[in-house]
Amino acid sequence: MTVLRYQQGQAVRLGDSVRWGSDARGMVVVMIAEQTALPGYVAADWAYLLHGCMIEVAAFGLFH
């Protein structure tokens, strides 16, 4: 399994706070390949995507 990384090289981790656009904030809520999720999310719901992560952005919703 390849580790998902940010542009700067750090590994993406479950629970990371991320910037979405210029002023919105989000959180990594599911790591798809690892099949891990924060409480309230079900990793298996996203397994068909095979890789990546799901990010919850309060202002916009859930993104892959």
PDB file of N, CA and C in Angstrom:
ATOM      1  N   MET A   1       0.852  -1.183   0.000  1.00  0.00           N
ATOM      2  CA  MET A   1       0.000   0.000   0.000  1.00  0.00           C
ATOM      3  C   MET A   1       0.896   1.243   0.000  1.00  0.00           C
ATOM      4  N   THR A   2       0.602   2.172  -0.875  1.00  0.00           N
ATOM      5  CA  THR A   2       1.337   3.425  -0.958  1.00  0.00           C
ATOM      6  C   THR A   2       0.784   4.408   0.066  1.00  0.00           C
ATOM      7  N   VAL A   3       1.680   5.073   0.761  1.00  0.00           N
ATOM      8  CA  VAL A   3       1.276   6.064   1.762  1.00  0.00           C
ATOM      9  C   VAL A   3       0.801   7.329   1.047  1.00  0.00           C
ATOM     10  N   LEU A   4      -0.365   7.807   1.428  1.00  0.00           N
ATOM     11  CA  LEU A   4      -0.904   9.055   0.893  1.00  0.00           C
ATOM     12  C   LEU A   4      -0.142  10.213   1.530  1.00  0.00           C
ATOM     13  N   ARG A   5       0.346  11.137   0.698  1.00  0.00           N
ATOM     14  CA  ARG A   5       1.167  12.242   1.203  1.00  0.00           C
ATOM     15  C   ARG A   5       0.641  13.591   0.711  1.00  0.00           C
ATOM     16  N   TYR A   6       0.885  14.612   1.525  1.00  0.00           N
ATOM     17  CA  TYR A   6       0.610  15.981   1.124  1.00  0.00           C
ATOM     18  C   TYR A   6       1.674  16.418   0.125  1.00  0.00           C
ATOM     19  N   GLN A   7       1.435  17.521  -0.556  1.00  0.00           N
ATOM     20  CA  GLN A   7       2.365  18.053  -1.539  1.00  0.00           C
ATOM     21  C   GLN A   7       3.760  18.276  -0.938  1.00  0.00           C
ATOM     22  N   GLN A   8       3.835  18.657   0.324  1.00  0.00           N
ATOM     23  CA  GLN A   8       5.113  18.925   0.981  1.00  0.00           C
ATOM     24  C   GLN A   8       5.835  17.647   1.415  1.00  0.00           C
ATOM     25  N   GLY A   9       5.167  16.480   1.305  1.00  0.00           N
ATOM     26  CA  GLY A   9       5.809  15.211   1.611  1.00  0.00           C
ATOM     27  C   GLY A   9       5.374  14.516   2.894  1.00  0.00           C
ATOM     28  N   GLN A  10       4.685  15.194   3.791  1.00  0.00           N
ATOM     29  CA  GLN A  10       4.239  14.561   5.031  1.00  0.00           C
ATOM     30  C   GLN A  10       3.112  13.572   4.737  1.00  0.00           C
ATOM     31  N   ALA A  11       3.052  12.506   5.513  1.00  0.00           N
ATOM     32  CA  ALA A  11       1.983  11.513   5.365  1.00  0.00           C
ATOM     33  C   ALA A  11       0.652  12.105   5.831  1.00  0.00           C
ATOM     34  N   VAL A  12      -0.406  11.806   5.102  1.00  0.00           N
ATOM     35  CA  VAL A  12      -1.762  12.198   5.495  1.00  0.00           C
ATOM     36  C   VAL A  12      -2.202  11.252   6.604  1.00  0.00           C
ATOM     37  N   ARG A  13      -2.776  11.779   7.661  1.00  0.00           N
ATOM     38  CA  ARG A  13      -3.211  10.983   8.815  1.00  0.00           C
ATOM     39  C   ARG A  13      -4.687  11.238   9.118  1.00  0.00           C
ATOM     40  N   LEU A  14      -5.339  10.210   9.592  1.00  0.00           N
ATOM     41  CA  LEU A  14      -6.718  10.322  10.044  1.00  0.00           C
ATOM     42  C   LEU A  14      -6.803  11.402  11.119  1.00  0.00           C
ATOM     43  N   GLY A  15      -7.749  12.313  10.986  1.00  0.00           N
ATOM     44  CA  GLY A  15      -7.928  13.388  11.959  1.00  0.00           C
ATOM     45  C   GLY A  15      -7.167  14.663  11.641  1.00  0.00           C
ATOM     46  N   ASP A  16      -6.337  14.646  10.591  1.00  0.00           N
ATOM     47  CA  ASP A  16      -5.608  15.860  10.208  1.00  0.00           C
ATOM     48  C   ASP A  16      -6.583  16.985   9.887  1.00  0.00           C
ATOM     49  N   SER A  17      -6.226  18.183  10.293  1.00  0.00           N
ATOM     50  CA  SER A  17      -6.965  19.382   9.913  1.00  0.00           C
ATOM     51  C   SER A  17      -6.327  19.902   8.632  1.00  0.00           C
ATOM     52  N   VAL A  18      -7.156  20.222   7.646  1.00  0.00           N
ATOM     53  CA  VAL A  18      -6.640  20.674   6.351  1.00  0.00           C
ATOM     54  C   VAL A  18      -7.334  21.962   5.922  1.00  0.00           C
ATOM     55  N   ARG A  19      -6.645  22.730   5.112  1.00  0.00           N
ATOM     56  CA  ARG A  19      -7.229  23.950   4.544  1.00  0.00           C
ATOM     57  C   ARG A  19      -7.884  23.577   3.223  1.00  0.00           C
ATOM     58  N   TRP A  20      -9.094  24.073   2.991  1.00  0.00           N
ATOM     59  CA  TRP A  20      -9.822  23.819   1.754  1.00  0.00           C
ATOM     60  C   TRP A  20     -10.057  25.164   1.092  1.00  0.00           C
ATOM     61  N   GLY A  21      -9.357  25.426   0.023  1.00  0.00           N
ATOM     62  CA  GLY A  21      -9.446  26.736  -0.619  1.00  0.00           C
ATOM     63  C   GLY A  21      -8.711  27.768   0.205  1.00  0.00           C
ATOM     64  N   SER A  22      -9.153  29.011   0.116  1.00  0.00           N
ATOM     65  CA  SER A  22      -8.431  30.083   0.795  1.00  0.00           C
ATOM     66  C   SER A  22      -8.799  30.247   2.267  1.00  0.00           C
ATOM     67  N   ASP A  23     -10.041  29.870   2.646  1.00  0.00           N
ATOM     68  CA  ASP A  23     -10.413  30.129   4.036  1.00  0.00           C
ATOM     69  C   ASP A  23     -11.240  29.034   4.707  1.00  0.00           C
ATOM     70  N   ALA A  24     -11.598  27.975   4.005  1.00  0.00           N
ATOM     71  CA  ALA A  24     -12.368  26.893   4.627  1.00  0.00           C
ATOM     72  C   ALA A  24     -11.426  25.869   5.243  1.00  0.00           C
ATOM     73  N   ARG A  25     -11.880  25.216   6.293  1.00  0.00           N
ATOM     74  CA  ARG A  25     -11.094  24.184   6.974  1.00  0.00           C
ATOM     75  C   ARG A  25     -11.867  22.879   6.922  1.00  0.00           C
ATOM     76  N   GLY A  26     -11.118  21.791   6.886  1.00  0.00           N
ATOM     77  CA  GLY A  26     -11.723  20.473   6.880  1.00  0.00           C
ATOM     78  C   GLY A  26     -10.916  19.510   7.724  1.00  0.00           C
ATOM     79  N   MET A  27     -11.390  18.266   7.786  1.00  0.00           N
ATOM     80  CA  MET A  27     -10.702  17.239   8.552  1.00  0.00           C
ATOM     81  C   MET A  27     -10.711  15.932   7.764  1.00  0.00           C
ATOM     82  N   VAL A  28      -9.592  15.223   7.798  1.00  0.00           N
ATOM     83  CA  VAL A  28      -9.506  13.903   7.176  1.00  0.00           C
ATOM     84  C   VAL A  28     -10.300  12.946   8.066  1.00  0.00           C
ATOM     85  N   VAL A  29     -11.392  12.386   7.534  1.00  0.00           N
ATOM     86  CA  VAL A  29     -12.276  11.555   8.347  1.00  0.00           C
ATOM     87  C   VAL A  29     -12.233  10.077   7.975  1.00  0.00           C
ATOM     88  N   VAL A  30     -11.739   9.753   6.779  1.00  0.00           N
ATOM     89  CA  VAL A  30     -11.611   8.354   6.345  1.00  0.00           C
ATOM     90  C   VAL A  30     -10.325   8.210   5.545  1.00  0.00           C
ATOM     91  N   MET A  31      -9.551   7.179   5.869  1.00  0.00           N
ATOM     92  CA  MET A  31      -8.403   6.772   5.057  1.00  0.00           C
ATOM     93  C   MET A  31      -8.853   5.510   4.326  1.00  0.00           C
ATOM     94  N   ILE A  32      -9.053   5.615   3.023  1.00  0.00           N
ATOM     95  CA  ILE A  32      -9.728   4.563   2.262  1.00  0.00           C
ATOM     96  C   ILE A  32      -8.923   3.278   2.181  1.00  0.00           C
ATOM     97  N   ALA A  33      -7.684   3.319   1.724  1.00  0.00           N
ATOM     98  CA  ALA A  33      -6.891   2.098   1.563  1.00  0.00           C
ATOM     99  C   ALA A  33      -6.651   1.407   2.904  1.00  0.00           C
ATOM    100  N   GLU A  34      -6.493   2.186   3.960  1.00  0.00           N
ATOM    101  CA  GLU A  34      -6.257   1.636   5.295  1.00  0.00           C
ATOM    102  C   GLU A  34      -7.541   1.136   5.955  1.00  0.00           C
ATOM    103  N   GLN A  35      -8.700   1.519   5.384  1.00  0.00           N
ATOM    104  CA  GLN A  35     -10.011   1.176   5.924  1.00  0.00           C
ATOM    105  C   GLN A  35     -10.140   1.586   7.395  1.00  0.00           C
ATOM    106  N   THR A  36      -9.755   2.843   7.659  1.00  0.00           N
ATOM    107  CA  THR A  36      -9.909   3.416   8.989  1.00  0.00           C
ATOM    108  C   THR A  36     -10.745   4.681   8.879  1.00  0.00           C
ATOM    109  N   ALA A  37     -11.471   4.981   9.949  1.00  0.00           N
ATOM    110  CA  ALA A  37     -12.343   6.149   9.937  1.00  0.00           C
ATOM    111  C   ALA A  37     -12.529   6.682  11.349  1.00  0.00           C
ATOM    112  N   LEU A  38     -12.802   7.977  11.433  1.00  0.00           N
ATOM    113  CA  LEU A  38     -13.156   8.579  12.709  1.00  0.00           C
ATOM    114  C   LEU A  38     -14.545   8.082  13.119  1.00  0.00           C
ATOM    115  N   PRO A  39     -14.864   8.124  14.418  1.00  0.00           N
ATOM    116  CA  PRO A  39     -16.205   7.750  14.859  1.00  0.00           C
ATOM    117  C   PRO A  39     -17.269   8.553  14.110  1.00  0.00           C
ATOM    118  N   GLY A  40     -18.317   7.879  13.687  1.00  0.00           N
ATOM    119  CA  GLY A  40     -19.386   8.517  12.942  1.00  0.00           C
ATOM    120  C   GLY A  40     -19.272   8.321  11.441  1.00  0.00           C
ATOM    121  N   TYR A  41     -18.163   7.767  10.980  1.00  0.00           N
ATOM    122  CA  TYR A  41     -17.938   7.480   9.566  1.00  0.00           C
ATOM    123  C   TYR A  41     -17.647   5.992   9.413  1.00  0.00           C
ATOM    124  N   VAL A  42     -18.012   5.426   8.274  1.00  0.00           N
ATOM    125  CA  VAL A  42     -17.802   3.999   8.022  1.00  0.00           C
ATOM    126  C   VAL A  42     -16.849   3.855   6.836  1.00  0.00           C
ATOM    127  N   ALA A  43     -15.643   3.394   7.099  1.00  0.00           N
ATOM    128  CA  ALA A  43     -14.626   3.275   6.051  1.00  0.00           C
ATOM    129  C   ALA A  43     -15.090   2.380   4.906  1.00  0.00           C
ATOM    130  N   ALA A  44     -15.815   1.315   5.205  1.00  0.00           N
ATOM    131  CA  ALA A  44     -16.263   0.374   4.172  1.00  0.00           C
ATOM    132  C   ALA A  44     -17.190   1.031   3.150  1.00  0.00           C
ATOM    133  N   ASP A  45     -17.858   2.107   3.533  1.00  0.00           N
ATOM    134  CA  ASP A  45     -18.743   2.815   2.596  1.00  0.00           C
ATOM    135  C   ASP A  45     -17.975   3.391   1.412  1.00  0.00           C
ATOM    136  N   TRP A  46     -16.685   3.597   1.579  1.00  0.00           N
ATOM    137  CA  TRP A  46     -15.857   4.241   0.557  1.00  0.00           C
ATOM    138  C   TRP A  46     -14.833   3.296  -0.053  1.00  0.00           C
ATOM    139  N   ALA A  47     -14.855   2.028   0.301  1.00  0.00           N
ATOM    140  CA  ALA A  47     -13.851   1.062  -0.170  1.00  0.00           C
ATOM    141  C   ALA A  47     -13.801   0.950  -1.690  1.00  0.00           C
ATOM    142  N   TYR A  48     -14.911   1.162  -2.359  1.00  0.00           N
ATOM    143  CA  TYR A  48     -14.938   1.053  -3.829  1.00  0.00           C
ATOM    144  C   TYR A  48     -14.015   2.082  -4.497  1.00  0.00           C
ATOM    145  N   LEU A  49     -13.642   3.138  -3.790  1.00  0.00           N
ATOM    146  CA  LEU A  49     -12.746   4.152  -4.342  1.00  0.00           C
ATOM    147  C   LEU A  49     -11.280   3.694  -4.352  1.00  0.00           C
ATOM    148  N   LEU A  50     -10.973   2.664  -3.566  1.00  0.00           N
ATOM    149  CA  LEU A  50      -9.663   1.994  -3.510  1.00  0.00           C
ATOM    150  C   LEU A  50      -8.543   2.773  -2.831  1.00  0.00           C
ATOM    151  N   HIS A  51      -8.442   4.070  -3.017  1.00  0.00           N
ATOM    152  CA  HIS A  51      -7.347   4.825  -2.408  1.00  0.00           C
ATOM    153  C   HIS A  51      -7.790   6.264  -2.159  1.00  0.00           C
ATOM    154  N   GLY A  52      -6.964   6.982  -1.443  1.00  0.00           N
ATOM    155  CA  GLY A  52      -7.265   8.372  -1.128  1.00  0.00           C
ATOM    156  C   GLY A  52      -7.859   8.505   0.264  1.00  0.00           C
ATOM    157  N   CYS A  53      -8.530   9.609   0.474  1.00  0.00           N
ATOM    158  CA  CYS A  53      -9.153   9.865   1.768  1.00  0.00           C
ATOM    159  C   CYS A  53     -10.439  10.656   1.557  1.00  0.00           C
ATOM    160  N   MET A  54     -11.248  10.695   2.591  1.00  0.00           N
ATOM    161  CA  MET A  54     -12.446  11.520   2.592  1.00  0.00           C
ATOM    162  C   MET A  54     -12.187  12.677   3.555  1.00  0.00           C
ATOM    163  N   ILE A  55     -12.537  13.867   3.110  1.00  0.00           N
ATOM    164  CA  ILE A  55     -12.355  15.074   3.917  1.00  0.00           C
ATOM    165  C   ILE A  55     -13.715  15.713   4.129  1.00  0.00           C
ATOM    166  N   GLU A  56     -14.044  15.974   5.381  1.00  0.00           N
ATOM    167  CA  GLU A  56     -15.291  16.658   5.733  1.00  0.00           C
ATOM    168  C   GLU A  56     -14.984  18.146   5.898  1.00  0.00           C
ATOM    169  N   VAL A  57     -15.634  18.958   5.064  1.00  0.00           N
ATOM    170  CA  VAL A  57     -15.482  20.416   5.122  1.00  0.00           C
ATOM    171  C   VAL A  57     -16.832  20.965   5.560  1.00  0.00           C
ATOM    172  N   ALA A  58     -16.865  21.593   6.736  1.00  0.00           N
ATOM    173  CA  ALA A  58     -18.133  22.046   7.310  1.00  0.00           C
ATOM    174  C   ALA A  58     -18.942  22.900   6.337  1.00  0.00           C
ATOM    175  N   ALA A  59     -18.283  23.777   5.610  1.00  0.00           N
ATOM    176  CA  ALA A  59     -18.998  24.695   4.720  1.00  0.00           C
ATOM    177  C   ALA A  59     -19.524  24.033   3.449  1.00  0.00           C
ATOM    178  N   PHE A  60     -18.967  22.845   3.086  1.00  0.00           N
ATOM    179  CA  PHE A  60     -19.303  22.248   1.790  1.00  0.00           C
ATOM    180  C   PHE A  60     -19.723  20.793   1.824  1.00  0.00           C
ATOM    181  N   GLY A  61     -19.307  20.016   2.801  1.00  0.00           N
ATOM    182  CA  GLY A  61     -19.650  18.609   2.882  1.00  0.00           C
ATOM    183  C   GLY A  61     -18.434  17.689   2.772  1.00  0.00           C
ATOM    184  N   LEU A  62     -18.688  16.483   2.285  1.00  0.00           N
ATOM    185  CA  LEU A  62     -17.688  15.421   2.250  1.00  0.00           C
ATOM    186  C   LEU A  62     -17.079  15.316   0.860  1.00  0.00           C
ATOM    187  N   PHE A  63     -15.741  15.258   0.803  1.00  0.00           N
ATOM    188  CA  PHE A  63     -15.022  15.202  -0.478  1.00  0.00           C
ATOM    189  C   PHE A  63     -14.041  14.049  -0.501  1.00  0.00           C
ATOM    190  N   HIS A  64     -13.821  13.488  -1.675  1.00  0.00           N
ATOM    191  CA  HIS A  64     -12.793  12.456  -1.908  1.00  0.00           C
ATOM    192  C   HIS A  64     -11.600  13.138  -2.547  1.00  0.00           C
TER     193      HIS A  64
END
